[in-house]
Amino acid sequence: MATSEDLTKELETIQKQLSDPEFVLDYKRVAEASKRYAEIERTLNGETLSMQGRSGRSEAIVEIRGGTGGEEAALFATRLFEMYKKYAVTQGWHLDVLDFNQTTLGGYKNIVFDIGGSGVYDKMKYESGVHRVQRIPETEKSGRVHTSTATVAVLPKVKETDVEIRPEDIDISFYRSGGPGGQNVNKVSTAVRLVHKPSGIMVSSQKERSQVRNKESAMEILRAKLFEIKQQEETGAITEERRKQIGSGERSEKIRTYNFPQDRITDHRIKKSWSNISKILDGNMEPIFEALSNEKSQQ
């Protein structure tokens, strides 16, 4: 059975043939080549959808980053993480923090975590994108509403066999695990930072007290990011900007707004709103996931 890589190479061969002036004069061969091209595209697209959407994907790696808004954005990133953590509890999922970087106020500049359980990826995949918050920060004395953002990236956790990473393509360094404000917590350099030289992607992990375990976790994050790039390259759905977004955990599309003064959450993809923000942030996300799932199934 042909692999995705074999099919991609065959696509490239057909593309070259169809650009050959002599080849295109043979109408029968052109028709056959065009038909085969369409078949391969359908197969590759089907594989990608299957990989990304099937219920068998019981683990995902999630990365949340504070975006526009400084401290307020970092605090909002923390609220999003707490929302997902509370929802995970209601679903019986496990959640393990792999890496984080906090501000002096305790907000997350970025946090990466592994989440697993029945149907994890099928639900969490809808969270990828820019989340916008409109509220009065605790530090705001004039009562002015601020707008801040946080980005969420949800990647399926993949096996070593899904992505080949050559040892010579990795730069590895060790450092001490940090706490709020960047203060060092451990006296031993157990945290691990990896840089994938071909893509420029940098990942890190500091959850364990063992360099070996942290390296394994960092490799899992790196594989997930490289796997998404690989899948989108095979379907021709990746651009240089998209590649950069995957590497940094950012997404350009604004998917949801959390408007505190109006006590309303709006998902812009399906143009639907819900009231009672505090209840949703306490983990009651099922109405949102159901609405998104129903809308996507009808498309």
Foldseek 3Di string as FASTA:
>chain_A
DDDLVRLLVLLVVLVVLCVDPVSVVPVVSVVVSVVSNVVSLVVLVVVLCCVQAPQVLFKKKKKKAQFPDPPVSQQVSVLQVLQVVLQLVVQVKDKDWFAFAAAQVGGTRMTMMMIGDGSVSNQCQLQAAKEKEWAQDPPHPVRHIDITIMGMDMFRFDDCVLDPADPVQKDKDWAAHADYNRHGDDPDGQKMWIARNVLRAIFIGDRDPHNVVRVVVRVRLVVRLVNVVVSCVSSVNDDNVNNVCSSVRHHHHHQWYCYVVVQKIAGPVQGDIDGNVVVSSSHPCVVVSVVVVVVVVVD
